[in-house]
Protein backbone atom coordinates (compact mmCIF):
# COMPACT_ATOMS: atom_id res chain seq x y z
CA MET A 1 -13.34 6.42 -3.03
CA LEU A 2 -12.28 2.89 -4.00
CA GLU A 3 -14.81 0.13 -4.63
CA ILE A 4 -13.91 -3.44 -5.52
CA ASP A 5 -16.93 -5.40 -6.72
CA ARG A 6 -16.80 -9.21 -7.06
CA LEU A 7 -13.26 -9.17 -8.46
CA SER A 8 -11.74 -12.45 -9.66
CA ILE A 9 -8.23 -13.09 -10.95
CA ARG A 10 -6.96 -16.28 -12.56
CA TYR A 11 -3.45 -17.48 -13.34
CA GLY A 12 -4.24 -20.25 -15.80
CA PRO A 13 -6.41 -22.75 -13.90
CA PHE A 14 -5.52 -21.22 -10.51
CA LEU A 15 -8.11 -18.86 -9.00
CA ALA A 16 -6.09 -16.24 -7.10
CA LEU A 17 -9.06 -14.00 -6.22
CA ASP A 18 -12.60 -15.32 -5.94
CA GLU A 19 -15.23 -12.57 -6.24
CA VAL A 20 -13.58 -10.25 -3.74
CA SER A 21 -15.48 -7.11 -2.72
CA LEU A 22 -14.19 -4.31 -0.50
CA SER A 23 -14.31 -0.53 -0.19
CA VAL A 24 -12.02 2.22 1.02
CA ASN A 25 -13.54 5.57 1.98
CA ALA A 26 -11.74 8.89 1.71
CA GLY A 27 -9.46 9.59 4.67
CA GLU A 28 -9.45 6.02 5.97
CA ILE A 29 -6.68 3.55 6.61
CA VAL A 30 -8.13 0.19 5.63
CA GLY A 31 -6.18 -2.96 6.41
CA LEU A 32 -6.12 -6.16 4.37
CA ILE A 33 -4.45 -9.03 6.18
CA GLY A 34 -4.01 -12.72 5.53
CA PRO A 35 -1.39 -15.43 5.13
CA ASN A 36 0.99 -15.90 2.21
CA GLY A 37 -0.87 -16.97 -0.92
CA ALA A 38 -4.15 -15.41 0.21
CA GLY A 39 -4.30 -13.18 -2.89
CA LYS A 40 -3.47 -9.86 -1.25
CA SER A 41 -0.73 -8.81 -3.67
CA SER A 42 -2.81 -9.89 -6.65
CA LEU A 43 -5.52 -7.50 -5.50
CA ALA A 44 -3.00 -4.66 -5.06
CA ARG A 45 -1.59 -5.24 -8.54
CA ALA A 46 -5.08 -5.31 -10.05
CA ILE A 47 -5.96 -1.95 -8.49
CA ALA A 48 -2.72 -0.48 -9.85
CA GLY A 49 -3.41 -1.92 -13.33
CA LEU A 50 -0.64 -4.52 -13.28
CA GLU A 51 -3.00 -7.51 -13.33
CA ARG A 52 -6.03 -8.00 -15.55
CA PRO A 53 -9.07 -9.34 -13.67
CA ALA A 54 -11.03 -12.25 -15.07
CA SER A 55 -14.27 -10.64 -13.87
CA GLY A 56 -15.61 -7.95 -11.56
CA GLN A 57 -15.04 -4.21 -11.36
CA ILE A 58 -12.66 -1.72 -9.80
CA ARG A 59 -14.12 1.77 -9.35
CA PHE A 60 -12.19 4.84 -8.24
CA PHE A 61 -14.27 7.92 -7.44
CA GLY A 62 -17.11 6.17 -9.24
CA LYS A 63 -15.18 5.61 -12.48
CA VAL A 64 -14.76 2.03 -13.67
CA LEU A 65 -11.05 1.57 -14.30
CA GLY A 66 -11.44 -1.39 -16.64
CA ASP A 67 -8.65 -1.16 -19.22
CA VAL A 68 -7.25 2.15 -17.89
CA PRO A 69 -3.44 1.71 -18.16
CA VAL A 70 -1.04 2.01 -15.24
CA HIS A 71 0.22 5.52 -16.02
CA GLU A 72 -3.31 6.88 -16.27
CA ARG A 73 -4.23 5.29 -12.93
CA ILE A 74 -1.27 7.09 -11.40
CA GLY A 75 -2.66 10.29 -12.89
CA THR A 76 -6.03 9.71 -11.22
CA GLY A 77 -4.32 9.55 -7.82
CA ILE A 78 -3.49 5.87 -7.22
CA SER A 79 -0.02 4.93 -5.97
CA LEU A 80 1.36 1.47 -5.17
CA VAL A 81 4.34 0.85 -2.90
CA PRO A 82 5.05 -2.75 -3.90
CA GLU A 83 6.30 -5.65 -1.84
CA GLY A 84 10.07 -5.78 -2.31
CA ARG A 85 10.31 -1.95 -2.47
CA GLY A 86 11.12 -1.62 -6.20
CA LEU A 87 13.98 0.86 -5.75
CA PHE A 88 16.82 1.63 -8.14
CA ALA A 89 19.75 0.29 -6.11
CA GLN A 90 22.45 2.07 -8.13
CA MET A 91 20.74 5.45 -7.85
CA SER A 92 20.83 7.81 -4.87
CA VAL A 93 18.01 8.46 -2.47
CA GLU A 94 17.33 11.77 -4.17
CA GLU A 95 17.41 10.25 -7.67
CA ASN A 96 14.90 7.58 -6.62
CA LEU A 97 12.60 10.30 -5.30
CA LEU A 98 12.93 12.29 -8.51
CA MET A 99 12.01 9.19 -10.52
CA GLY A 100 8.95 8.74 -8.32
CA GLY A 101 7.84 12.30 -9.04
CA TYR A 102 8.36 12.30 -12.80
CA THR A 103 4.63 12.81 -13.46
CA LEU A 104 4.38 16.02 -11.42
CA GLY A 105 5.41 18.24 -14.31
CA SER A 106 7.14 21.08 -12.50
CA ARG A 107 10.33 21.39 -10.47
CA GLY A 108 8.51 23.25 -7.70
CA ALA A 109 5.93 20.47 -7.26
CA THR A 110 8.66 17.83 -7.33
CA LEU A 111 10.75 19.59 -4.69
CA ALA A 112 7.68 20.12 -2.50
CA ALA A 113 6.82 16.41 -2.73
CA MET A 114 10.40 15.50 -1.90
CA ASP A 115 10.35 17.78 1.12
CA ARG A 116 7.19 16.08 2.40
CA GLY A 117 9.01 12.77 2.24
CA PHE A 118 11.96 14.24 4.12
CA GLN A 119 9.62 15.59 6.81
CA LEU A 120 8.08 12.15 7.18
CA PHE A 121 11.48 10.43 7.31
CA PRO A 122 14.17 12.99 8.29
CA LEU A 123 16.92 10.37 7.93
CA LEU A 124 16.36 10.36 4.17
CA ARG A 125 17.36 14.02 3.97
CA GLU A 126 20.65 13.13 5.65
CA ARG A 127 21.17 10.23 3.22
CA ARG A 128 19.92 11.96 0.07
CA ARG A 129 23.24 11.45 -1.78
CA GLN A 130 23.66 7.82 -0.66
CA MET A 131 23.02 4.96 -3.10
CA ALA A 132 19.71 3.26 -2.30
CA GLY A 133 21.28 -0.19 -2.45
CA THR A 134 23.62 0.66 0.44
CA LEU A 135 20.81 1.63 2.83
CA SER A 136 19.65 -0.75 5.53
CA GLY A 137 16.42 -2.67 4.96
CA GLY A 138 14.47 -0.29 7.16
CA GLN A 139 15.92 2.76 5.44
CA GLN A 140 15.08 1.27 2.04
CA GLN A 141 11.48 0.78 3.15
CA MET A 142 11.31 4.40 4.29
CA LEU A 143 12.57 5.43 0.86
CA ALA A 144 10.05 3.19 -0.90
CA VAL A 145 7.23 4.82 1.06
CA ALA A 146 8.56 8.30 0.25
CA VAL A 147 8.84 7.39 -3.45
CA GLY A 148 5.24 6.17 -3.43
CA LEU A 149 4.11 9.53 -2.06
CA MET A 150 5.99 11.56 -4.69
CA THR A 151 3.02 11.57 -7.07
CA ASP A 152 0.91 13.32 -4.38
CA PRO A 153 -1.63 10.46 -4.50
CA LYS A 154 -5.17 10.42 -3.21
CA LEU A 155 -4.95 6.68 -2.45
CA CYS A 156 -1.73 4.90 -1.55
CA ILE A 157 -1.55 1.11 -1.45
CA PHE A 158 1.21 -0.30 0.74
CA ASP A 159 1.99 -3.97 0.06
CA GLU A 160 3.72 -5.62 3.06
CA PRO A 161 5.68 -2.53 4.22
CA SER A 162 6.76 -4.26 7.46
CA LEU A 163 8.14 -7.40 5.81
CA GLY A 164 11.54 -8.35 7.22
CA LEU A 165 11.91 -5.22 9.34
CA ALA A 166 12.97 -4.87 12.98
CA PRO A 167 10.21 -4.00 15.49
CA ILE A 168 11.51 -0.44 16.00
CA ILE A 169 11.34 0.23 12.24
CA ILE A 170 7.84 -1.27 12.05
CA GLU A 171 6.81 1.15 14.78
CA GLN A 172 8.22 4.05 12.73
CA ILE A 173 6.29 2.86 9.68
CA GLY A 174 3.12 2.82 11.79
CA GLU A 175 3.77 6.36 13.00
CA ALA A 176 4.32 7.46 9.39
CA LEU A 177 1.00 5.91 8.34
CA LEU A 178 -0.84 7.79 11.07
CA ALA A 179 0.90 11.01 10.03
CA MET A 180 -0.24 10.42 6.43
CA ARG A 181 -3.85 10.08 7.56
CA LYS A 182 -3.62 13.47 9.28
CA THR A 183 -2.76 14.99 5.89
CA GLY A 184 -5.91 13.48 4.36
CA LEU A 185 -4.22 10.66 2.49
CA THR A 186 -6.29 7.50 2.07
CA VAL A 187 -4.44 4.23 2.61
CA LEU A 188 -5.00 0.57 1.76
CA LEU A 189 -2.52 -1.31 3.96
CA ILE A 190 -1.83 -4.89 2.87
CA GLU A 191 -0.05 -6.82 5.59
CA GLN A 192 0.63 -10.08 7.38
CA ASN A 193 1.51 -8.12 10.52
CA SER A 194 -1.80 -7.97 12.37
CA LYS A 195 -0.34 -5.95 15.25
CA LEU A 196 0.72 -3.09 12.97
CA THR A 197 -2.54 -3.21 11.03
CA GLY A 198 -4.68 -3.26 14.16
CA ALA A 199 -2.82 -0.26 15.56
CA VAL A 200 -3.42 2.03 12.58
CA ALA A 201 -6.44 0.79 10.60
CA ASP A 202 -10.01 2.07 10.85
CA ARG A 203 -11.35 -1.16 9.37
CA ILE A 204 -9.76 -4.51 8.49
CA TYR A 205 -10.58 -7.11 5.87
CA ILE A 206 -9.23 -10.61 6.44
CA MET A 207 -8.49 -12.67 3.36
CA ALA A 208 -7.73 -16.38 2.99
CA ALA A 209 -7.52 -18.56 -0.13
CA GLY A 210 -8.56 -15.72 -2.42
CA SER A 211 -11.71 -14.75 -0.52
CA ILE A 212 -12.68 -12.20 2.12
CA ARG A 213 -13.43 -14.11 5.31
CA PHE A 214 -14.10 -11.30 7.81
CA HIS A 215 -14.52 -7.52 7.80
CA ASP A 216 -14.89 -5.27 10.85
CA THR A 217 -13.15 -2.74 13.07
CA PRO A 218 -9.93 -3.87 14.77
CA ALA A 219 -11.66 -3.93 18.17
CA ALA A 220 -14.52 -6.10 16.92
CA LEU A 221 -12.17 -8.52 15.19
CA MET A 222 -10.04 -8.80 18.32
CA ALA A 223 -13.20 -9.79 20.23
CA ASN A 224 -14.00 -12.60 17.77
CA PRO A 225 -12.50 -15.87 19.09
CA GLU A 226 -12.31 -17.50 15.63
CA VAL A 227 -10.56 -14.48 14.11
CA LEU A 228 -8.22 -14.14 17.08
CA GLU A 229 -7.15 -17.78 17.02
CA THR A 230 -6.90 -18.25 13.24
CA PHE A 231 -5.72 -14.90 11.89
CA LEU A 232 -4.62 -12.47 14.61
CA SER A 233 -2.35 -14.65 16.71
CA ALA A 234 0.86 -13.51 14.90
């Protein structure tokens, strides 16, 4: 479904991504973990069309995205739930969801997408009239995930969804990710939380200093002493 081939990104003289290659197959949850500054968010933004690569290719269902703008990438089935959530704090839960589904084109499709989000996170239905900025951090993350799913994507990229959340909320996010896979949604999960990623991912890439260092199943990576000591000890 998604193929990244030797992708490089520069910010002036700084090389944020150095010929990164990875793939995500339909129906998978693929994890991408690494420390702060590894280049994970730069890769997510490049896939979504928010960063212009210096070299390399991004292919989605075999099509080279190249200069395809953000809104057209959304139309092809790519959704990004960014780090920091990106919600409209002065708008209600329902209004944020409606904004997320603006590309759907019909009220019926929008309401159906909203209902899927409410099924995934029932608390959001109870809080649908509440301003997003007054929700707790965990509730805001639930809303951000639901907003990202409003476009009925084929591939959803989650950038650090567990950041700053209590363990019980992280567990709920993990359960939601597994529920998404059952619906056929393909996920690229970008995280520092190796425990969450290992619990839900089919495969994991480990990134450091802009490069992919390891790639394997969670079980195989957990059996690798170098990986366990350097990257999976958190």
